[in-house]
Amino acid sequence: MRQNARRSANAVRKRELKLALQSAGRIARPLRAGAVTALCLEVHDLVVSKLAAGRLKDLEFIGALLRLGLAKPRTTRLRIRQFPIEREQARLRSRLQVVLEDLG
């Protein structure tokens, strides 16, 4: 029962993120390589989606992007402010802060 509720909550978050990206005009663009098509997010949109997921592996990935300079904390904070679901913004900011503190 809990797993079904968790899956349902994750599906809702994914839909919310997709709507947020669409409303901001940053829809993922297709990248084709032969028969394979991948949708690639802009790096800061990817960071916000990983913050929303909040798994340890996602937070570690965000830390690596920030450490390597591939993503910027300031731009990430701006994207979080643009997130249309206000109740999620605080959670995203908190998770970003944890990652930044871990980086030192």
PDB file of N, CA and C in Angstrom:
ATOM      1  N   MET A   1       0.813  -1.183   0.000  1.00  0.00           N
ATOM      2  CA  MET A   1       0.000   0.000   0.000  1.00  0.00           C
ATOM      3  C   MET A   1       0.868   1.264   0.000  1.00  0.00           C
ATOM      4  N   ARG A   2       1.926   1.281   0.845  1.00  0.00           N
ATOM      5  CA  ARG A   2       2.810   2.443   0.889  1.00  0.00           C
ATOM      6  C   ARG A   2       3.529   2.655  -0.434  1.00  0.00           C
ATOM      7  N   GLN A   3       3.950   1.566  -1.078  1.00  0.00           N
ATOM      8  CA  GLN A   3       4.653   1.686  -2.351  1.00  0.00           C
ATOM      9  C   GLN A   3       3.747   2.309  -3.407  1.00  0.00           C
ATOM     10  N   ASN A   4       2.487   1.924  -3.427  1.00  0.00           N
ATOM     11  CA  ASN A   4       1.545   2.515  -4.383  1.00  0.00           C
ATOM     12  C   ASN A   4       1.374   3.999  -4.126  1.00  0.00           C
ATOM     13  N   ALA A   5       1.278   4.379  -2.871  1.00  0.00           N
ATOM     14  CA  ALA A   5       1.148   5.801  -2.523  1.00  0.00           C
ATOM     15  C   ALA A   5       2.411   6.557  -2.918  1.00  0.00           C
ATOM     16  N   ARG A   6       3.577   5.945  -2.695  1.00  0.00           N
ATOM     17  CA  ARG A   6       4.842   6.579  -3.054  1.00  0.00           C
ATOM     18  C   ARG A   6       4.947   6.751  -4.572  1.00  0.00           C
ATOM     19  N   ARG A   7       4.567   5.714  -5.317  1.00  0.00           N
ATOM     20  CA  ARG A   7       4.596   5.806  -6.780  1.00  0.00           C
ATOM     21  C   ARG A   7       3.660   6.899  -7.274  1.00  0.00           C
ATOM     22  N   SER A   8       2.488   6.970  -6.677  1.00  0.00           N
ATOM     23  CA  SER A   8       1.514   7.987  -7.053  1.00  0.00           C
ATOM     24  C   SER A   8       2.065   9.381  -6.778  1.00  0.00           C
ATOM     25  N   ALA A   9       2.702   9.585  -5.624  1.00  0.00           N
ATOM     26  CA  ALA A   9       3.291  10.881  -5.284  1.00  0.00           C
ATOM     27  C   ALA A   9       4.407  11.236  -6.255  1.00  0.00           C
ATOM     28  N   ASN A  10       5.239  10.259  -6.625  1.00  0.00           N
ATOM     29  CA  ASN A  10       6.317  10.513  -7.583  1.00  0.00           C
ATOM     30  C   ASN A  10       5.753  10.887  -8.951  1.00  0.00           C
ATOM     31  N   ALA A  11       4.688  10.226  -9.370  1.00  0.00           N
ATOM     32  CA  ALA A  11       4.060  10.537 -10.655  1.00  0.00           C
ATOM     33  C   ALA A  11       3.521  11.956 -10.645  1.00  0.00           C
ATOM     34  N   VAL A  12       2.941  12.369  -9.534  1.00  0.00           N
ATOM     35  CA  VAL A  12       2.431  13.743  -9.425  1.00  0.00           C
ATOM     36  C   VAL A  12       3.576  14.733  -9.520  1.00  0.00           C
ATOM     37  N   ARG A  13       4.683  14.471  -8.826  1.00  0.00           N
ATOM     38  CA  ARG A  13       5.846  15.370  -8.880  1.00  0.00           C
ATOM     39  C   ARG A  13       6.398  15.474 -10.302  1.00  0.00           C
ATOM     40  N   LYS A  14       6.457  14.358 -11.014  1.00  0.00           N
ATOM     41  CA  LYS A  14       6.957  14.386 -12.388  1.00  0.00           C
ATOM     42  C   LYS A  14       6.050  15.230 -13.274  1.00  0.00           C
ATOM     43  N   ARG A  15       4.744  15.085 -13.100  1.00  0.00           N
ATOM     44  CA  ARG A  15       3.814  15.903 -13.886  1.00  0.00           C
ATOM     45  C   ARG A  15       3.969  17.383 -13.551  1.00  0.00           C
ATOM     46  N   GLU A  16       4.137  17.693 -12.251  1.00  0.00           N
ATOM     47  CA  GLU A  16       4.322  19.079 -11.832  1.00  0.00           C
ATOM     48  C   GLU A  16       5.593  19.661 -12.442  1.00  0.00           C
ATOM     49  N   LEU A  17       6.673  18.876 -12.441  1.00  0.00           N
ATOM     50  CA  LEU A  17       7.928  19.342 -13.010  1.00  0.00           C
ATOM     51  C   LEU A  17       7.774  19.589 -14.506  1.00  0.00           C
ATOM     52  N   LYS A  18       7.127  18.681 -15.206  1.00  0.00           N
ATOM     53  CA  LYS A  18       6.921  18.846 -16.643  1.00  0.00           C
ATOM     54  C   LYS A  18       6.127  20.113 -16.918  1.00  0.00           C
ATOM     55  N   LEU A  19       5.079  20.355 -16.150  1.00  0.00           N
ATOM     56  CA  LEU A  19       4.285  21.571 -16.320  1.00  0.00           C
ATOM     57  C   LEU A  19       5.114  22.817 -16.029  1.00  0.00           C
ATOM     58  N   ALA A  20       5.963  22.728 -15.008  1.00  0.00           N
ATOM     59  CA  ALA A  20       6.814  23.868 -14.666  1.00  0.00           C
ATOM     60  C   ALA A  20       7.771  24.200 -15.806  1.00  0.00           C
ATOM     61  N   LEU A  21       8.382  23.179 -16.378  1.00  0.00           N
ATOM     62  CA  LEU A  21       9.305  23.399 -17.494  1.00  0.00           C
ATOM     63  C   LEU A  21       8.576  23.949 -18.709  1.00  0.00           C
ATOM     64  N   GLN A  22       7.399  23.418 -18.982  1.00  0.00           N
ATOM     65  CA  GLN A  22       6.636  23.898 -20.125  1.00  0.00           C
ATOM     66  C   GLN A  22       6.234  25.351 -19.927  1.00  0.00           C
ATOM     67  N   SER A  23       5.805  25.709 -18.725  1.00  0.00           N
ATOM     68  CA  SER A  23       5.373  27.081 -18.481  1.00  0.00           C
ATOM     69  C   SER A  23       6.546  28.050 -18.545  1.00  0.00           C
ATOM     70  N   ALA A  24       7.740  27.586 -18.247  1.00  0.00           N
ATOM     71  CA  ALA A  24       8.924  28.436 -18.310  1.00  0.00           C
ATOM     72  C   ALA A  24       9.528  28.471 -19.717  1.00  0.00           C
ATOM     73  N   GLY A  25       8.962  27.710 -20.641  1.00  0.00           N
ATOM     74  CA  GLY A  25       9.475  27.691 -22.011  1.00  0.00           C
ATOM     75  C   GLY A  25      10.751  26.895 -22.177  1.00  0.00           C
ATOM     76  N   ARG A  26      11.043  25.998 -21.235  1.00  0.00           N
ATOM     77  CA  ARG A  26      12.268  25.199 -21.297  1.00  0.00           C
ATOM     78  C   ARG A  26      11.919  23.731 -21.416  1.00  0.00           C
ATOM     79  N   ILE A  27      11.278  23.380 -22.493  1.00  0.00           N
ATOM     80  CA  ILE A  27      10.904  22.000 -22.729  1.00  0.00           C
ATOM     81  C   ILE A  27      12.137  21.245 -23.213  1.00  0.00           C
ATOM     82  N   ALA A  28      12.282  20.012 -22.754  1.00  0.00           N
ATOM     83  CA  ALA A  28      13.423  19.197 -23.164  1.00  0.00           C
ATOM     84  C   ALA A  28      13.450  19.048 -24.680  1.00  0.00           C
ATOM     85  N   ARG A  29      14.639  19.113 -25.232  1.00  0.00           N
ATOM     86  CA  ARG A  29      14.813  18.975 -26.683  1.00  0.00           C
ATOM     87  C   ARG A  29      15.301  17.579 -27.018  1.00  0.00           C
ATOM     88  N   PRO A  30      14.808  17.046 -28.125  1.00  0.00           N
ATOM     89  CA  PRO A  30      15.247  15.696 -28.492  1.00  0.00           C
ATOM     90  C   PRO A  30      16.668  15.684 -29.051  1.00  0.00           C
ATOM     91  N   LEU A  31      17.418  14.676 -28.685  1.00  0.00           N
ATOM     92  CA  LEU A  31      18.757  14.430 -29.209  1.00  0.00           C
ATOM     93  C   LEU A  31      18.716  13.043 -29.815  1.00  0.00           C
ATOM     94  N   ARG A  32      18.943  12.953 -31.120  1.00  0.00           N
ATOM     95  CA  ARG A  32      18.837  11.675 -31.800  1.00  0.00           C
ATOM     96  C   ARG A  32      20.223  11.109 -32.136  1.00  0.00           C
ATOM     97  N   ALA A  33      20.355   9.812 -31.891  1.00  0.00           N
ATOM     98  CA  ALA A  33      21.569   9.087 -32.248  1.00  0.00           C
ATOM     99  C   ALA A  33      21.115   7.757 -32.837  1.00  0.00           C
ATOM    100  N   GLY A  34      21.029   7.697 -34.149  1.00  0.00           N
ATOM    101  CA  GLY A  34      20.519   6.499 -34.798  1.00  0.00           C
ATOM    102  C   GLY A  34      19.050   6.306 -34.473  1.00  0.00           C
ATOM    103  N   ALA A  35      18.706   5.131 -33.986  1.00  0.00           N
ATOM    104  CA  ALA A  35      17.321   4.829 -33.667  1.00  0.00           C
ATOM    105  C   ALA A  35      16.923   5.289 -32.266  1.00  0.00           C
ATOM    106  N   VAL A  36      17.876   5.843 -31.525  1.00  0.00           N
ATOM    107  CA  VAL A  36      17.623   6.254 -30.144  1.00  0.00           C
ATOM    108  C   VAL A  36      17.379   7.751 -30.087  1.00  0.00           C
ATOM    109  N   THR A  37      16.334   8.140 -29.376  1.00  0.00           N
ATOM    110  CA  THR A  37      16.046   9.553 -29.136  1.00  0.00           C
ATOM    111  C   THR A  37      16.038   9.786 -27.638  1.00  0.00           C
ATOM    112  N   ALA A  38      16.798  10.785 -27.183  1.00  0.00           N
ATOM    113  CA  ALA A  38      16.842  11.131 -25.773  1.00  0.00           C
ATOM    114  C   ALA A  38      16.375  12.575 -25.611  1.00  0.00           C
ATOM    115  N   LEU A  39      15.649  12.820 -24.538  1.00  0.00           N
ATOM    116  CA  LEU A  39      15.248  14.181 -24.206  1.00  0.00           C
ATOM    117  C   LEU A  39      16.230  14.723 -23.175  1.00  0.00           C
ATOM    118  N   CYS A  40      16.837  15.851 -23.491  1.00  0.00           N
ATOM    119  CA  CYS A  40      17.885  16.401 -22.638  1.00  0.00           C
ATOM    120  C   CYS A  40      17.440  17.718 -22.028  1.00  0.00           C
ATOM    121  N   LEU A  41      17.472  17.793 -20.700  1.00  0.00           N
ATOM    122  CA  LEU A  41      17.135  19.011 -19.989  1.00  0.00           C
ATOM    123  C   LEU A  41      18.337  19.942 -19.924  1.00  0.00           C
ATOM    124  N   GLU A  42      18.084  21.220 -19.839  1.00  0.00           N
ATOM    125  CA  GLU A  42      19.130  22.188 -19.526  1.00  0.00           C
ATOM    126  C   GLU A  42      19.637  21.827 -18.130  1.00  0.00           C
ATOM    127  N   VAL A  43      20.916  22.007 -17.850  1.00  0.00           N
ATOM    128  CA  VAL A  43      21.543  21.465 -16.642  1.00  0.00           C
ATOM    129  C   VAL A  43      20.870  21.965 -15.361  1.00  0.00           C
ATOM    130  N   HIS A  44      20.456  23.218 -15.286  1.00  0.00           N
ATOM    131  CA  HIS A  44      19.841  23.726 -14.058  1.00  0.00           C
ATOM    132  C   HIS A  44      18.426  23.177 -13.871  1.00  0.00           C
ATOM    133  N   ASP A  45      17.736  22.929 -14.973  1.00  0.00           N
ATOM    134  CA  ASP A  45      16.441  22.255 -14.886  1.00  0.00           C
ATOM    135  C   ASP A  45      16.637  20.819 -14.399  1.00  0.00           C
ATOM    136  N   LEU A  46      17.704  20.187 -14.866  1.00  0.00           N
ATOM    137  CA  LEU A  46      18.036  18.843 -14.398  1.00  0.00           C
ATOM    138  C   LEU A  46      18.314  18.846 -12.892  1.00  0.00           C
ATOM    139  N   VAL A  47      19.066  19.847 -12.428  1.00  0.00           N
ATOM    140  CA  VAL A  47      19.371  19.948 -11.004  1.00  0.00           C
ATOM    141  C   VAL A  47      18.084  20.076 -10.186  1.00  0.00           C
ATOM    142  N   VAL A  48      17.159  20.918 -10.642  1.00  0.00           N
ATOM    143  CA  VAL A  48      15.899  21.083  -9.918  1.00  0.00           C
ATOM    144  C   VAL A  48      15.103  19.781  -9.904  1.00  0.00           C
ATOM    145  N   SER A  49      15.115  19.064 -11.018  1.00  0.00           N
ATOM    146  CA  SER A  49      14.385  17.785 -11.039  1.00  0.00           C
ATOM    147  C   SER A  49      15.032  16.775 -10.098  1.00  0.00           C
ATOM    148  N   LYS A  50      16.360  16.791 -10.022  1.00  0.00           N
ATOM    149  CA  LYS A  50      17.064  15.889  -9.104  1.00  0.00           C
ATOM    150  C   LYS A  50      16.809  16.294  -7.647  1.00  0.00           C
ATOM    151  N   LEU A  51      16.725  17.605  -7.380  1.00  0.00           N
ATOM    152  CA  LEU A  51      16.373  18.061  -6.036  1.00  0.00           C
ATOM    153  C   LEU A  51      14.973  17.601  -5.663  1.00  0.00           C
ATOM    154  N   ALA A  52      14.072  17.636  -6.612  1.00  0.00           N
ATOM    155  CA  ALA A  52      12.696  17.192  -6.357  1.00  0.00           C
ATOM    156  C   ALA A  52      12.663  15.705  -6.027  1.00  0.00           C
ATOM    157  N   ALA A  53      13.481  14.914  -6.715  1.00  0.00           N
ATOM    158  CA  ALA A  53      13.532  13.478  -6.425  1.00  0.00           C
ATOM    159  C   ALA A  53      14.134  13.242  -5.042  1.00  0.00           C
ATOM    160  N   GLY A  54      15.211  13.951  -4.743  1.00  0.00           N
ATOM    161  CA  GLY A  54      15.788  13.940  -3.406  1.00  0.00           C
ATOM    162  C   GLY A  54      16.468  12.675  -2.944  1.00  0.00           C
ATOM    163  N   ARG A  55      16.733  11.743  -3.859  1.00  0.00           N
ATOM    164  CA  ARG A  55      17.435  10.515  -3.459  1.00  0.00           C
ATOM    165  C   ARG A  55      18.913  10.833  -3.232  1.00  0.00           C
ATOM    166  N   LEU A  56      19.574  10.025  -2.443  1.00  0.00           N
ATOM    167  CA  LEU A  56      20.992  10.234  -2.159  1.00  0.00           C
ATOM    168  C   LEU A  56      21.800  10.319  -3.448  1.00  0.00           C
ATOM    169  N   LYS A  57      21.543   9.401  -4.379  1.00  0.00           N
ATOM    170  CA  LYS A  57      22.315   9.408  -5.632  1.00  0.00           C
ATOM    171  C   LYS A  57      22.073  10.698  -6.421  1.00  0.00           C
ATOM    172  N   ASP A  58      20.865  11.269  -6.331  1.00  0.00           N
ATOM    173  CA  ASP A  58      20.573  12.528  -7.018  1.00  0.00           C
ATOM    174  C   ASP A  58      21.327  13.681  -6.369  1.00  0.00           C
ATOM    175  N   LEU A  59      21.340  13.702  -5.046  1.00  0.00           N
ATOM    176  CA  LEU A  59      22.047  14.771  -4.340  1.00  0.00           C
ATOM    177  C   LEU A  59      23.550  14.690  -4.587  1.00  0.00           C
ATOM    178  N   GLU A  60      24.087  13.476  -4.656  1.00  0.00           N
ATOM    179  CA  GLU A  60      25.510  13.311  -4.977  1.00  0.00           C
ATOM    180  C   GLU A  60      25.808  13.788  -6.394  1.00  0.00           C
ATOM    181  N   PHE A  61      24.903  13.494  -7.321  1.00  0.00           N
ATOM    182  CA  PHE A  61      25.060  13.933  -8.716  1.00  0.00           C
ATOM    183  C   PHE A  61      25.049  15.462  -8.794  1.00  0.00           C
ATOM    184  N   ILE A  62      24.130  16.086  -8.064  1.00  0.00           N
ATOM    185  CA  ILE A  62      24.070  17.552  -8.033  1.00  0.00           C
ATOM    186  C   ILE A  62      25.373  18.116  -7.476  1.00  0.00           C
ATOM    187  N   GLY A  63      25.864  17.506  -6.419  1.00  0.00           N
ATOM    188  CA  GLY A  63      27.133  17.948  -5.846  1.00  0.00           C
ATOM    189  C   GLY A  63      28.267  17.890  -6.856  1.00  0.00           C
ATOM    190  N   ALA A  64      28.311  16.833  -7.644  1.00  0.00           N
ATOM    191  CA  ALA A  64      29.351  16.704  -8.672  1.00  0.00           C
ATOM    192  C   ALA A  64      29.199  17.786  -9.733  1.00  0.00           C
ATOM    193  N   LEU A  65      27.976  18.055 -10.175  1.00  0.00           N
ATOM    194  CA  LEU A  65      27.747  19.111 -11.171  1.00  0.00           C
ATOM    195  C   LEU A  65      28.202  20.467 -10.648  1.00  0.00           C
ATOM    196  N   LEU A  66      27.881  20.749  -9.387  1.00  0.00           N
ATOM    197  CA  LEU A  66      28.280  22.025  -8.787  1.00  0.00           C
ATOM    198  C   LEU A  66      29.788  22.098  -8.594  1.00  0.00           C
ATOM    199  N   ARG A  67      30.386  21.028  -8.108  1.00  0.00           N
ATOM    200  CA  ARG A  67      31.827  20.992  -7.860  1.00  0.00           C
ATOM    201  C   ARG A  67      32.621  21.198  -9.147  1.00  0.00           C
ATOM    202  N   LEU A  68      32.118  20.623 -10.235  1.00  0.00           N
ATOM    203  CA  LEU A  68      32.811  20.743 -11.528  1.00  0.00           C
ATOM    204  C   LEU A  68      32.490  22.035 -12.256  1.00  0.00           C
ATOM    205  N   GLY A  69      31.596  22.836 -11.705  1.00  0.00           N
ATOM    206  CA  GLY A  69      31.237  24.104 -12.330  1.00  0.00           C
ATOM    207  C   GLY A  69      30.284  23.962 -13.501  1.00  0.00           C
ATOM    208  N   LEU A  70      29.667  22.795 -13.643  1.00  0.00           N
ATOM    209  CA  LEU A  70      28.714  22.581 -14.737  1.00  0.00           C
ATOM    210  C   LEU A  70      27.344  23.168 -14.415  1.00  0.00           C
ATOM    211  N   ALA A  71      27.090  23.381 -13.132  1.00  0.00           N
ATOM    212  CA  ALA A  71      25.867  24.050 -12.680  1.00  0.00           C
ATOM    213  C   ALA A  71      26.285  25.091 -11.651  1.00  0.00           C
ATOM    214  N   LYS A  72      25.516  26.148 -11.551  1.00  0.00           N
ATOM    215  CA  LYS A  72      25.819  27.254 -10.637  1.00  0.00           C
ATOM    216  C   LYS A  72      24.739  27.356  -9.563  1.00  0.00           C
ATOM    217  N   PRO A  73      25.140  27.533  -8.300  1.00  0.00           N
ATOM    218  CA  PRO A  73      24.155  27.671  -7.232  1.00  0.00           C
ATOM    219  C   PRO A  73      23.177  28.834  -7.470  1.00  0.00           C
ATOM    220  N   ARG A  74      23.688  29.955  -7.918  1.00  0.00           N
ATOM    221  CA  ARG A  74      22.825  31.130  -8.121  1.00  0.00           C
ATOM    222  C   ARG A  74      21.737  30.851  -9.155  1.00  0.00           C
ATOM    223  N   THR A  75      22.116  30.262 -10.279  1.00  0.00           N
ATOM    224  CA  THR A  75      21.143  29.944 -11.330  1.00  0.00           C
ATOM    225  C   THR A  75      20.145  28.900 -10.831  1.00  0.00           C
ATOM    226  N   THR A  76      20.638  27.945 -10.050  1.00  0.00           N
ATOM    227  CA  THR A  76      19.751  26.923  -9.494  1.00  0.00           C
ATOM    228  C   THR A  76      18.725  27.565  -8.571  1.00  0.00           C
ATOM    229  N   ARG A  77      19.167  28.511  -7.738  1.00  0.00           N
ATOM    230  CA  ARG A  77      18.228  29.211  -6.845  1.00  0.00           C
ATOM    231  C   ARG A  77      17.177  29.984  -7.649  1.00  0.00           C
ATOM    232  N   LEU A  78      17.606  30.594  -8.747  1.00  0.00           N
ATOM    233  CA  LEU A  78      16.648  31.315  -9.606  1.00  0.00           C
ATOM    234  C   LEU A  78      15.610  30.348 -10.179  1.00  0.00           C
ATOM    235  N   ARG A  79      16.061  29.182 -10.615  1.00  0.00           N
ATOM    236  CA  ARG A  79      15.129  28.183 -11.163  1.00  0.00           C
ATOM    237  C   ARG A  79      14.153  27.707 -10.100  1.00  0.00           C
ATOM    238  N   ILE A  80      14.647  27.545  -8.881  1.00  0.00           N
ATOM    239  CA  ILE A  80      13.758  27.129  -7.792  1.00  0.00           C
ATOM    240  C   ILE A  80      12.687  28.196  -7.566  1.00  0.00           C
ATOM    241  N   ARG A  81      13.081  29.476  -7.611  1.00  0.00           N
ATOM    242  CA  ARG A  81      12.100  30.560  -7.440  1.00  0.00           C
ATOM    243  C   ARG A  81      11.071  30.574  -8.553  1.00  0.00           C
ATOM    244  N   GLN A  82      11.440  30.084  -9.729  1.00  0.00           N
ATOM    245  CA  GLN A  82      10.521  30.044 -10.865  1.00  0.00           C
ATOM    246  C   GLN A  82       9.586  28.836 -10.795  1.00  0.00           C
ATOM    247  N   PHE A  83       9.879  27.906  -9.913  1.00  0.00           N
ATOM    248  CA  PHE A  83       9.052  26.710  -9.784  1.00  0.00           C
ATOM    249  C   PHE A  83       7.654  27.145  -9.373  1.00  0.00           C
ATOM    250  N   PRO A  84       6.639  26.758 -10.125  1.00  0.00           N
ATOM    251  CA  PRO A  84       5.299  27.319  -9.903  1.00  0.00           C
ATOM    252  C   PRO A  84       4.558  26.776  -8.676  1.00  0.00           C
ATOM    253  N   ILE A  85       5.074  25.750  -8.041  1.00  0.00           N
ATOM    254  CA  ILE A  85       4.398  25.175  -6.890  1.00  0.00           C
ATOM    255  C   ILE A  85       5.133  25.653  -5.638  1.00  0.00           C
ATOM    256  N   GLU A  86       4.571  26.664  -4.993  1.00  0.00           N
ATOM    257  CA  GLU A  86       5.254  27.327  -3.888  1.00  0.00           C
ATOM    258  C   GLU A  86       5.614  26.383  -2.744  1.00  0.00           C
ATOM    259  N   ARG A  87       4.737  25.438  -2.430  1.00  0.00           N
ATOM    260  CA  ARG A  87       5.016  24.545  -1.294  1.00  0.00           C
ATOM    261  C   ARG A  87       6.256  23.683  -1.556  1.00  0.00           C
ATOM    262  N   GLU A  88       6.608  23.495  -2.827  1.00  0.00           N
ATOM    263  CA  GLU A  88       7.785  22.694  -3.168  1.00  0.00           C
ATOM    264  C   GLU A  88       9.072  23.522  -3.115  1.00  0.00           C
ATOM    265  N   GLN A  89       8.962  24.825  -3.273  1.00  0.00           N
ATOM    266  CA  GLN A  89      10.157  25.669  -3.327  1.00  0.00           C
ATOM    267  C   GLN A  89      11.000  25.560  -2.061  1.00  0.00           C
ATOM    268  N   ALA A  90      10.364  25.580  -0.904  1.00  0.00           N
ATOM    269  CA  ALA A  90      11.109  25.487   0.358  1.00  0.00           C
ATOM    270  C   ALA A  90      11.852  24.155   0.464  1.00  0.00           C
ATOM    271  N   ARG A  91      11.208  23.091   0.048  1.00  0.00           N
ATOM    272  CA  ARG A  91      11.841  21.770   0.087  1.00  0.00           C
ATOM    273  C   ARG A  91      13.047  21.718  -0.850  1.00  0.00           C
ATOM    274  N   LEU A  92      12.901  22.294  -2.034  1.00  0.00           N
ATOM    275  CA  LEU A  92      14.004  22.314  -2.995  1.00  0.00           C
ATOM    276  C   LEU A  92      15.163  23.164  -2.483  1.00  0.00           C
ATOM    277  N   ARG A  93      14.855  24.330  -1.909  1.00  0.00           N
ATOM    278  CA  ARG A  93      15.904  25.199  -1.345  1.00  0.00           C
ATOM    279  C   ARG A  93      16.648  24.484  -0.223  1.00  0.00           C
ATOM    280  N   SER A  94      15.906  23.793   0.622  1.00  0.00           N
ATOM    281  CA  SER A  94      16.512  23.078   1.735  1.00  0.00           C
ATOM    282  C   SER A  94      17.459  21.987   1.247  1.00  0.00           C
ATOM    283  N   ARG A  95      17.042  21.245   0.257  1.00  0.00           N
ATOM    284  CA  ARG A  95      17.900  20.185  -0.282  1.00  0.00           C
ATOM    285  C   ARG A  95      19.137  20.760  -0.957  1.00  0.00           C
ATOM    286  N   LEU A  96      18.979  21.864  -1.675  1.00  0.00           N
ATOM    287  CA  LEU A  96      20.140  22.507  -2.297  1.00  0.00           C
ATOM    288  C   LEU A  96      21.123  22.955  -1.218  1.00  0.00           C
ATOM    289  N   GLN A  97      20.610  23.517  -0.129  1.00  0.00           N
ATOM    290  CA  GLN A  97      21.472  23.970   0.958  1.00  0.00           C
ATOM    291  C   GLN A  97      22.266  22.817   1.553  1.00  0.00           C
ATOM    292  N   VAL A  98      21.634  21.656   1.709  1.00  0.00           N
ATOM    293  CA  VAL A  98      22.330  20.467   2.220  1.00  0.00           C
ATOM    294  C   VAL A  98      23.486  20.102   1.296  1.00  0.00           C
ATOM    295  N   VAL A  99      23.246  20.117   0.003  1.00  0.00           N
ATOM    296  CA  VAL A  99      24.296  19.776  -0.969  1.00  0.00           C
ATOM    297  C   VAL A  99      25.435  20.786  -0.896  1.00  0.00           C
ATOM    298  N   LEU A 100      25.103  22.076  -0.834  1.00  0.00           N
ATOM    299  CA  LEU A 100      26.125  23.117  -0.784  1.00  0.00           C
ATOM    300  C   LEU A 100      26.950  23.023   0.499  1.00  0.00           C
ATOM    301  N   GLU A 101      26.293  22.739   1.614  1.00  0.00           N
ATOM    302  CA  GLU A 101      27.034  22.580   2.872  1.00  0.00           C
ATOM    303  C   GLU A 101      27.962  21.385   2.826  1.00  0.00           C
ATOM    304  N   ASP A 102      27.529  20.322   2.154  1.00  0.00           N
ATOM    305  CA  ASP A 102      28.363  19.137   2.025  1.00  0.00           C
ATOM    306  C   ASP A 102      29.616  19.420   1.185  1.00  0.00           C
ATOM    307  N   LEU A 103      29.472  20.339   0.224  1.00  0.00           N
ATOM    308  CA  LEU A 103      30.621  20.706  -0.610  1.00  0.00           C
ATOM    309  C   LEU A 103      31.620  21.560   0.165  1.00  0.00           C
ATOM    310  N   GLY A 104      31.147  22.193   1.221  1.00  0.00           N
ATOM    311  CA  GLY A 104      32.033  23.017   2.060  1.00  0.00           C
ATOM    312  C   GLY A 104      32.067  24.384   1.595  1.00  0.00           C
TER     313      GLY A 104
END
